[in-house]
Amino acid sequence: MKQGGKLIIFSAPSGSGKTTIVRHLLAQPELNLAFSVSATSRECRGEEKEGNHYYFMTLSEFKSHIKNDDFLEWEEVYRDNFYGTLKSEVERLWAEGKNVIFDIDVAGGLRIKKKYPEVTLAVFVKPPSVDELKIRLKKRSTESEEKINMRIAKASVELATAPQFDKIIKNYNLEEALKEAHTMVADYIGVTPSFEKDKPTK
């Protein structure tokens, strides 16, 4: 893969708030970010749109891409539920002159960091507690109790990987977490965060 801009990874157990943080950062023009849309073999949920939330594929299509080495990283997150990052997606965004931001599971995030350590900032978003995660997942009302319990079991394992990331953000207070993430990414890219520019000069 031909290198371009920077890679910014946000990983966390499901329900930690990483998607909210990523959306906030994408809205900051000075960061020049573009979102890397993942591919998945799972069914489309609710209001999800093809090419916007995910590239939806059949299981056989996904496996064919694995065979052709089309993925930067991929993982079978749950049985026959594959997720991955297409190399072509990152190359497309780099060609547009963008820094690429990922909202990705822990294993995938660490794989990308390992492949491109010199251009990658890997951030782990930590929830207040596993109990709080369960409350957040139940509030979503998008999954069965069984699926939520699977996610909680996975979260305990994922939390143990936090030290392998470059930075850890504790998402106990969303406003503070958003500001911390904004500052972190701006520092890494080498720009001044917009909220600093807006401060009145003394």
C-alpha atoms as a PDB file:
ATOM      1  CA  MET A   1       0.000   0.000   0.000  1.00  0.00           C
ATOM      2  CA  LYS A   2       1.312   3.407  -1.010  1.00  0.00           C
ATOM      3  CA  GLN A   3       1.528   5.663   2.031  1.00  0.00           C
ATOM      4  CA  GLY A   4      -0.254   8.998   2.274  1.00  0.00           C
ATOM      5  CA  GLY A   5      -1.548  10.825   5.359  1.00  0.00           C
ATOM      6  CA  LYS A   6      -1.842   9.780   8.975  1.00  0.00           C
ATOM      7  CA  LEU A   7      -3.945   6.947  10.392  1.00  0.00           C
ATOM      8  CA  ILE A   8      -5.985   7.677  13.542  1.00  0.00           C
ATOM      9  CA  ILE A   9      -7.477   4.646  15.284  1.00  0.00           C
ATOM     10  CA  PHE A  10     -10.202   4.701  17.931  1.00  0.00           C
ATOM     11  CA  SER A  11     -10.874   1.315  19.517  1.00  0.00           C
ATOM     12  CA  ALA A  12     -12.948   0.298  22.517  1.00  0.00           C
ATOM     13  CA  PRO A  13     -15.447  -2.244  23.766  1.00  0.00           C
ATOM     14  CA  SER A  14     -18.898  -1.772  22.221  1.00  0.00           C
ATOM     15  CA  GLY A  15     -20.814   0.986  24.054  1.00  0.00           C
ATOM     16  CA  SER A  16     -17.753   2.935  25.236  1.00  0.00           C
ATOM     17  CA  GLY A  17     -18.595   5.990  23.124  1.00  0.00           C
ATOM     18  CA  LYS A  18     -15.888   5.724  20.456  1.00  0.00           C
ATOM     19  CA  THR A  19     -18.375   6.297  17.609  1.00  0.00           C
ATOM     20  CA  THR A  20     -19.570   9.563  19.210  1.00  0.00           C
ATOM     21  CA  ILE A  21     -15.944  10.703  19.585  1.00  0.00           C
ATOM     22  CA  VAL A  22     -15.082   9.804  15.974  1.00  0.00           C
ATOM     23  CA  ARG A  23     -18.143  11.690  14.654  1.00  0.00           C
ATOM     24  CA  HIS A  24     -17.126  14.760  16.667  1.00  0.00           C
ATOM     25  CA  LEU A  25     -13.581  14.659  15.259  1.00  0.00           C
ATOM     26  CA  LEU A  26     -14.824  14.263  11.673  1.00  0.00           C
ATOM     27  CA  ALA A  27     -16.710  17.551  12.114  1.00  0.00           C
ATOM     28  CA  GLN A  28     -13.464  19.462  12.868  1.00  0.00           C
ATOM     29  CA  PRO A  29     -12.213  20.849   9.506  1.00  0.00           C
ATOM     30  CA  GLU A  30      -8.653  21.603  10.671  1.00  0.00           C
ATOM     31  CA  LEU A  31      -8.028  17.873  11.300  1.00  0.00           C
ATOM     32  CA  ASN A  32      -8.693  17.025   7.604  1.00  0.00           C
ATOM     33  CA  LEU A  33     -10.126  13.616   8.493  1.00  0.00           C
ATOM     34  CA  ALA A  34     -12.031  11.092   6.405  1.00  0.00           C
ATOM     35  CA  PHE A  35     -13.775   8.032   7.799  1.00  0.00           C
ATOM     36  CA  SER A  36     -12.622   4.564   6.807  1.00  0.00           C
ATOM     37  CA  VAL A  37     -15.755   2.521   6.098  1.00  0.00           C
ATOM     38  CA  SER A  38     -15.291  -1.112   7.145  1.00  0.00           C
ATOM     39  CA  ALA A  39     -16.534  -4.148   5.255  1.00  0.00           C
ATOM     40  CA  THR A  40     -18.699  -6.705   7.050  1.00  0.00           C
ATOM     41  CA  SER A  41     -20.416 -10.015   6.343  1.00  0.00           C
ATOM     42  CA  ARG A  42     -23.240  -9.285   8.801  1.00  0.00           C
ATOM     43  CA  GLU A  43     -26.743  -8.192   7.860  1.00  0.00           C
ATOM     44  CA  CYS A  44     -27.575  -4.497   7.490  1.00  0.00           C
ATOM     45  CA  ARG A  45     -29.226  -3.126  10.685  1.00  0.00           C
ATOM     46  CA  GLY A  46     -31.910  -0.447  11.059  1.00  0.00           C
ATOM     47  CA  GLU A  47     -31.058   2.728   9.146  1.00  0.00           C
ATOM     48  CA  GLU A  48     -27.555   1.641   8.084  1.00  0.00           C
ATOM     49  CA  LYS A  49     -26.623   2.464   4.501  1.00  0.00           C
ATOM     50  CA  GLU A  50     -24.263   0.659   2.131  1.00  0.00           C
ATOM     51  CA  GLY A  51     -20.966   2.539   1.696  1.00  0.00           C
ATOM     52  CA  ASN A  52     -21.857   4.946   4.500  1.00  0.00           C
ATOM     53  CA  HIS A  53     -21.869   2.757   7.613  1.00  0.00           C
ATOM     54  CA  TYR A  54     -20.342  -0.414   6.110  1.00  0.00           C
ATOM     55  CA  TYR A  55     -19.664  -2.190   2.852  1.00  0.00           C
ATOM     56  CA  PHE A  56     -22.051  -5.125   3.255  1.00  0.00           C
ATOM     57  CA  MET A  57     -20.918  -8.416   1.717  1.00  0.00           C
ATOM     58  CA  THR A  58     -22.064 -12.010   1.696  1.00  0.00           C
ATOM     59  CA  LEU A  59     -19.916 -14.459   3.656  1.00  0.00           C
ATOM     60  CA  SER A  60     -18.510 -15.928   0.415  1.00  0.00           C
ATOM     61  CA  GLU A  61     -17.664 -12.445  -0.968  1.00  0.00           C
ATOM     62  CA  PHE A  62     -15.841 -11.581   2.253  1.00  0.00           C
ATOM     63  CA  LYS A  63     -13.863 -14.823   2.203  1.00  0.00           C
ATOM     64  CA  SER A  64     -12.964 -14.218  -1.429  1.00  0.00           C
ATOM     65  CA  HIS A  65     -11.463 -10.797  -0.467  1.00  0.00           C
ATOM     66  CA  ILE A  66      -9.469 -12.512   2.317  1.00  0.00           C
ATOM     67  CA  LYS A  67      -8.115 -15.009  -0.223  1.00  0.00           C
ATOM     68  CA  ASN A  68      -7.093 -12.158  -2.557  1.00  0.00           C
ATOM     69  CA  ASP A  69      -5.281 -10.303   0.280  1.00  0.00           C
ATOM     70  CA  ASP A  70      -7.546  -7.255  -0.210  1.00  0.00           C
ATOM     71  CA  PHE A  71      -7.736  -6.417   3.502  1.00  0.00           C
ATOM     72  CA  LEU A  72      -5.406  -4.283   5.599  1.00  0.00           C
ATOM     73  CA  GLU A  73      -6.854  -6.216   8.561  1.00  0.00           C
ATOM     74  CA  TRP A  74      -9.849  -8.478   9.131  1.00  0.00           C
ATOM     75  CA  GLU A  75     -11.347 -10.498  11.945  1.00  0.00           C
ATOM     76  CA  GLU A  76     -14.143 -12.965  12.612  1.00  0.00           C
ATOM     77  CA  VAL A  77     -15.647 -11.016  15.531  1.00  0.00           C
ATOM     78  CA  TYR A  78     -18.446 -13.518  16.152  1.00  0.00           C
ATOM     79  CA  ARG A  79     -19.134 -16.799  14.329  1.00  0.00           C
ATOM     80  CA  ASP A  80     -19.508 -16.045  10.566  1.00  0.00           C
ATOM     81  CA  ASN A  81     -19.553 -12.326  11.424  1.00  0.00           C
ATOM     82  CA  PHE A  82     -16.510 -10.881   9.707  1.00  0.00           C
ATOM     83  CA  TYR A  83     -15.296  -7.283   9.750  1.00  0.00           C
ATOM     84  CA  GLY A  84     -12.342  -5.838   7.869  1.00  0.00           C
ATOM     85  CA  THR A  85     -10.641  -2.775   6.401  1.00  0.00           C
ATOM     86  CA  LEU A  86     -10.164  -2.836   2.635  1.00  0.00           C
ATOM     87  CA  LYS A  87      -6.761  -1.592   1.457  1.00  0.00           C
ATOM     88  CA  SER A  88      -8.556   0.138  -1.429  1.00  0.00           C
ATOM     89  CA  GLU A  89     -10.609   2.209   1.053  1.00  0.00           C
ATOM     90  CA  VAL A  90      -7.514   3.633   2.796  1.00  0.00           C
ATOM     91  CA  GLU A  91      -5.746   4.232  -0.539  1.00  0.00           C
ATOM     92  CA  ARG A  92      -8.825   6.077  -1.871  1.00  0.00           C
ATOM     93  CA  LEU A  93      -8.885   8.434   1.145  1.00  0.00           C
ATOM     94  CA  TRP A  94      -5.112   8.993   1.077  1.00  0.00           C
ATOM     95  CA  ALA A  95      -5.396   9.858  -2.633  1.00  0.00           C
ATOM     96  CA  GLU A  96      -7.876  12.587  -1.602  1.00  0.00           C
ATOM     97  CA  GLY A  97      -5.166  14.014   0.686  1.00  0.00           C
ATOM     98  CA  LYS A  98      -6.969  13.040   3.885  1.00  0.00           C
ATOM     99  CA  ASN A  99      -5.896  11.670   7.255  1.00  0.00           C
ATOM    100  CA  VAL A 100      -7.868   8.465   7.805  1.00  0.00           C
ATOM    101  CA  ILE A 101      -9.837   7.855  11.012  1.00  0.00           C
ATOM    102  CA  PHE A 102     -11.034   4.415  12.103  1.00  0.00           C
ATOM    103  CA  ASP A 103     -13.841   3.387  14.470  1.00  0.00           C
ATOM    104  CA  ILE A 104     -12.670  -0.188  14.828  1.00  0.00           C
ATOM    105  CA  ASP A 105     -12.563  -3.104  17.232  1.00  0.00           C
ATOM    106  CA  VAL A 106      -9.507  -3.606  19.435  1.00  0.00           C
ATOM    107  CA  ALA A 107      -7.878  -6.481  17.518  1.00  0.00           C
ATOM    108  CA  GLY A 108      -8.224  -4.672  14.178  1.00  0.00           C
ATOM    109  CA  GLY A 109      -6.863  -1.428  15.599  1.00  0.00           C
ATOM    110  CA  LEU A 110      -3.756  -3.128  16.971  1.00  0.00           C
ATOM    111  CA  ARG A 111      -3.136  -4.916  13.646  1.00  0.00           C
ATOM    112  CA  ILE A 112      -3.144  -1.618  11.728  1.00  0.00           C
ATOM    113  CA  LYS A 113      -0.849   0.000  14.319  1.00  0.00           C
ATOM    114  CA  LYS A 114       1.578  -2.926  13.929  1.00  0.00           C
ATOM    115  CA  LYS A 115       1.631  -2.560  10.113  1.00  0.00           C
ATOM    116  CA  TYR A 116       2.028   1.235  10.028  1.00  0.00           C
ATOM    117  CA  PRO A 117       3.526   2.254  13.401  1.00  0.00           C
ATOM    118  CA  GLU A 118       5.225   5.390  12.060  1.00  0.00           C
ATOM    119  CA  VAL A 119       2.001   7.011  10.757  1.00  0.00           C
ATOM    120  CA  THR A 120      -0.540   5.648  13.260  1.00  0.00           C
ATOM    121  CA  LEU A 121      -2.012   7.085  16.454  1.00  0.00           C
ATOM    122  CA  ALA A 122      -3.939   4.314  18.261  1.00  0.00           C
ATOM    123  CA  VAL A 123      -6.360   5.498  20.960  1.00  0.00           C
ATOM    124  CA  PHE A 124      -8.274   3.267  23.385  1.00  0.00           C
ATOM    125  CA  VAL A 125     -11.553   4.616  24.785  1.00  0.00           C
ATOM    126  CA  LYS A 126     -12.197   3.334  28.292  1.00  0.00           C
ATOM    127  CA  PRO A 127     -15.738   3.198  29.730  1.00  0.00           C
ATOM    128  CA  PRO A 128     -16.369   4.004  33.415  1.00  0.00           C
ATOM    129  CA  SER A 129     -17.052   0.307  34.139  1.00  0.00           C
ATOM    130  CA  VAL A 130     -18.312  -2.932  32.603  1.00  0.00           C
ATOM    131  CA  ASP A 131     -21.644  -2.398  34.443  1.00  0.00           C
ATOM    132  CA  GLU A 132     -22.023   1.014  32.805  1.00  0.00           C
ATOM    133  CA  LEU A 133     -21.318  -0.606  29.417  1.00  0.00           C
ATOM    134  CA  LYS A 134     -24.156  -3.056  29.957  1.00  0.00           C
ATOM    135  CA  ILE A 135     -26.539  -0.186  30.797  1.00  0.00           C
ATOM    136  CA  ARG A 136     -25.516   1.695  27.618  1.00  0.00           C
ATOM    137  CA  LEU A 137     -25.920  -1.387  25.413  1.00  0.00           C
ATOM    138  CA  LYS A 138     -29.381  -2.117  26.858  1.00  0.00           C
ATOM    139  CA  LYS A 139     -30.444   1.502  26.233  1.00  0.00           C
ATOM    140  CA  ARG A 140     -29.667   1.081  22.530  1.00  0.00           C
ATOM    141  CA  SER A 141     -32.410  -1.602  22.291  1.00  0.00           C
ATOM    142  CA  THR A 142     -30.856  -2.943  19.085  1.00  0.00           C
ATOM    143  CA  GLU A 143     -29.765  -6.383  20.270  1.00  0.00           C
ATOM    144  CA  SER A 144     -30.966  -9.396  22.228  1.00  0.00           C
ATOM    145  CA  GLU A 145     -29.938 -10.071  25.837  1.00  0.00           C
ATOM    146  CA  GLU A 146     -27.771 -12.942  24.559  1.00  0.00           C
ATOM    147  CA  LYS A 147     -25.901 -10.666  22.120  1.00  0.00           C
ATOM    148  CA  ILE A 148     -25.402  -8.032  24.845  1.00  0.00           C
ATOM    149  CA  ASN A 149     -23.936 -10.679  27.171  1.00  0.00           C
ATOM    150  CA  MET A 150     -21.555 -11.768  24.370  1.00  0.00           C
ATOM    151  CA  ARG A 151     -20.411  -8.152  23.974  1.00  0.00           C
ATOM    152  CA  ILE A 152     -19.898  -7.768  27.752  1.00  0.00           C
ATOM    153  CA  ALA A 153     -17.794 -10.961  27.907  1.00  0.00           C
ATOM    154  CA  LYS A 154     -15.702  -9.652  24.995  1.00  0.00           C
ATOM    155  CA  ALA A 155     -15.359  -6.225  26.661  1.00  0.00           C
ATOM    156  CA  SER A 156     -13.568  -7.697  29.691  1.00  0.00           C
ATOM    157  CA  VAL A 157     -10.934  -9.212  27.377  1.00  0.00           C
ATOM    158  CA  GLU A 158     -10.657  -5.998  25.315  1.00  0.00           C
ATOM    159  CA  LEU A 159     -10.127  -3.792  28.386  1.00  0.00           C
ATOM    160  CA  ALA A 160      -6.967  -5.768  29.161  1.00  0.00           C
ATOM    161  CA  THR A 161      -5.425  -4.633  25.821  1.00  0.00           C
ATOM    162  CA  ALA A 162      -5.644  -0.895  26.677  1.00  0.00           C
ATOM    163  CA  PRO A 163      -1.898  -0.598  27.580  1.00  0.00           C
ATOM    164  CA  GLN A 164      -0.953  -1.704  24.038  1.00  0.00           C
ATOM    165  CA  PHE A 165      -2.421   1.522  22.619  1.00  0.00           C
ATOM    166  CA  ASP A 166      -0.551   4.832  22.274  1.00  0.00           C
ATOM    167  CA  LYS A 167      -3.138   6.763  24.307  1.00  0.00           C
ATOM    168  CA  ILE A 168      -6.076   6.003  26.589  1.00  0.00           C
ATOM    169  CA  ILE A 169      -9.103   8.281  26.961  1.00  0.00           C
ATOM    170  CA  LYS A 170     -11.383   7.670  29.942  1.00  0.00           C
ATOM    171  CA  ASN A 171     -14.889   8.410  28.735  1.00  0.00           C
ATOM    172  CA  TYR A 172     -16.461   9.188  32.120  1.00  0.00           C
ATOM    173  CA  ASN A 173     -17.579  12.670  31.036  1.00  0.00           C
ATOM    174  CA  LEU A 174     -18.386  12.926  27.323  1.00  0.00           C
ATOM    175  CA  GLU A 175     -17.616  16.636  26.920  1.00  0.00           C
ATOM    176  CA  GLU A 176     -14.176  16.203  28.498  1.00  0.00           C
ATOM    177  CA  ALA A 177     -13.488  13.058  26.431  1.00  0.00           C
ATOM    178  CA  LEU A 178     -14.362  14.911  23.195  1.00  0.00           C
ATOM    179  CA  LYS A 179     -12.033  17.790  24.053  1.00  0.00           C
ATOM    180  CA  GLU A 180      -9.213  15.420  25.046  1.00  0.00           C
ATOM    181  CA  ALA A 181      -9.585  13.442  21.800  1.00  0.00           C
ATOM    182  CA  HIS A 182      -9.633  16.655  19.733  1.00  0.00           C
ATOM    183  CA  THR A 183      -6.420  17.942  21.383  1.00  0.00           C
ATOM    184  CA  MET A 184      -4.712  14.543  21.048  1.00  0.00           C
ATOM    185  CA  VAL A 185      -5.425  14.191  17.320  1.00  0.00           C
ATOM    186  CA  ALA A 186      -4.569  17.844  16.577  1.00  0.00           C
ATOM    187  CA  ASP A 187      -1.203  17.431  18.355  1.00  0.00           C
ATOM    188  CA  TYR A 188      -0.459  14.257  16.403  1.00  0.00           C
ATOM    189  CA  ILE A 189      -1.286  15.835  13.048  1.00  0.00           C
ATOM    190  CA  GLY A 190       0.494  19.054  13.983  1.00  0.00           C
ATOM    191  CA  VAL A 191      -2.359  21.583  13.871  1.00  0.00           C
ATOM    192  CA  THR A 192      -4.016  23.859  16.443  1.00  0.00           C
ATOM    193  CA  PRO A 193      -7.429  22.572  17.593  1.00  0.00           C
ATOM    194  CA  SER A 194     -10.252  24.909  16.535  1.00  0.00           C
ATOM    195  CA  PHE A 195     -11.425  25.510  20.134  1.00  0.00           C
ATOM    196  CA  GLU A 196      -7.951  26.926  20.944  1.00  0.00           C
ATOM    197  CA  LYS A 197      -8.205  29.366  18.020  1.00  0.00           C
ATOM    198  CA  ASP A 198     -11.605  30.542  19.235  1.00  0.00           C
ATOM    199  CA  LYS A 199     -10.281  31.519  22.669  1.00  0.00           C
ATOM    200  CA  PRO A 200     -10.173  35.287  23.249  1.00  0.00           C
ATOM    201  CA  THR A 201      -6.628  36.663  23.396  1.00  0.00           C
ATOM    202  CA  LYS A 202      -5.603  38.318  26.639  1.00  0.00           C
END
